[in-house]
Amino acid sequence: MAVARLRSKRQERIDELKQVLLARFPDAKFRVTPAPDAPRITALWTYTSADLDEVADAVRDREFEIMVEDGIQIIAIPMLPEEYRS
């Protein structure tokens, strides 16, 4: 039961971060995976043409609050979409 609650809470927090990002960066697309080098951390890959530092800054404080309050580690990883990479 506790595992199901944690999964549900994790999904709520992922959705919350997505909404924050979409409010500022409407072109953002997302992919959720375990972090490459730390599978207990959830990576929220965020693809947008916006300035990548601004994307990270938009949710950095909330990521920390989620970690402290809920014990859930989620990190938004901003990426340029394929069409913007050279």
Protein backbone atom coordinates (compact mmCIF):
# COMPACT_ATOMS: atom_id res chain seq x y z
CA MET A 1 0.00 0.00 0.00
CA ALA A 2 2.80 2.46 0.87
CA VAL A 3 4.50 1.84 -2.48
CA ALA A 4 1.27 2.62 -4.34
CA ARG A 5 0.87 5.87 -2.37
CA LEU A 6 4.46 6.87 -3.17
CA ARG A 7 3.92 6.16 -6.88
CA SER A 8 0.71 8.19 -6.81
CA LYS A 9 2.39 11.10 -4.97
CA ARG A 10 5.37 10.94 -7.35
CA GLN A 11 3.01 11.15 -10.34
CA GLU A 12 1.17 14.10 -8.74
CA ARG A 13 4.47 15.93 -8.30
CA ILE A 14 5.60 15.14 -11.85
CA ASP A 15 2.29 16.51 -13.14
CA GLU A 16 2.70 19.61 -10.97
CA LEU A 17 6.17 20.33 -12.36
CA LYS A 18 4.92 19.78 -15.90
CA GLN A 19 2.13 22.32 -15.35
CA VAL A 20 4.58 24.90 -13.98
CA LEU A 21 6.82 24.40 -16.99
CA LEU A 22 3.98 24.47 -19.52
CA ALA A 23 2.69 27.74 -18.05
CA ARG A 24 6.04 29.39 -18.87
CA PHE A 25 7.11 27.31 -21.85
CA PRO A 26 4.00 26.23 -23.80
CA ASP A 27 6.06 24.38 -26.43
CA ALA A 28 7.56 22.02 -23.82
CA LYS A 29 7.33 18.27 -24.33
CA PHE A 30 8.22 15.73 -21.66
CA ARG A 31 9.61 12.28 -21.13
CA VAL A 32 9.86 10.66 -17.69
CA THR A 33 12.52 8.04 -16.89
CA PRO A 34 14.72 7.01 -14.02
CA ALA A 35 17.78 9.28 -13.90
CA PRO A 36 20.62 7.77 -15.96
CA ASP A 37 23.09 7.39 -13.08
CA ALA A 38 20.66 7.32 -10.16
CA PRO A 39 17.59 5.14 -10.77
CA ARG A 40 15.89 6.24 -7.52
CA ILE A 41 15.69 9.77 -8.94
CA THR A 42 13.04 10.56 -11.52
CA ALA A 43 14.28 12.47 -14.56
CA LEU A 44 11.72 14.79 -16.12
CA TRP A 45 13.29 15.37 -19.54
CA THR A 46 11.94 18.69 -20.76
CA TYR A 47 12.29 19.48 -24.47
CA THR A 48 11.80 23.14 -25.36
CA SER A 49 13.29 25.83 -27.56
CA ALA A 50 13.47 28.18 -24.55
CA ASP A 51 16.69 29.09 -22.74
CA LEU A 52 17.66 25.91 -20.89
CA ASP A 53 18.85 27.77 -17.78
CA GLU A 54 15.48 29.50 -17.51
CA VAL A 55 13.73 26.14 -17.74
CA ALA A 56 15.82 24.70 -14.91
CA ASP A 57 15.37 27.85 -12.81
CA ALA A 58 11.58 27.71 -13.21
CA VAL A 59 11.28 24.57 -11.09
CA ARG A 60 14.51 24.34 -9.08
CA ASP A 61 13.01 25.60 -5.81
CA ARG A 62 9.94 23.38 -6.13
CA GLU A 63 12.09 20.32 -6.89
CA PHE A 64 13.91 20.94 -3.61
CA GLU A 65 10.65 21.44 -1.68
CA ILE A 66 9.28 18.17 -3.07
CA MET A 67 12.44 16.36 -2.01
CA VAL A 68 12.29 17.79 1.54
CA GLU A 69 8.52 17.60 2.06
CA ASP A 70 7.73 14.33 0.27
CA GLY A 71 11.06 12.54 0.06
CA ILE A 72 10.63 12.31 -3.71
CA GLN A 73 13.55 13.23 -5.94
CA ILE A 74 12.54 14.61 -9.32
CA ILE A 75 14.85 16.64 -11.49
CA ALA A 76 13.83 18.50 -14.62
CA ILE A 77 16.49 18.10 -17.27
CA PRO A 78 16.07 20.73 -19.99
CA MET A 79 16.98 19.68 -23.51
CA LEU A 80 16.72 21.30 -26.90
CA PRO A 81 14.41 19.43 -29.26
CA GLU A 82 16.18 17.50 -32.01
CA GLU A 83 15.33 20.12 -34.64
CA TYR A 84 17.23 22.81 -32.68
CA ARG A 85 20.42 20.81 -32.20
CA SER A 86 23.29 21.33 -34.62
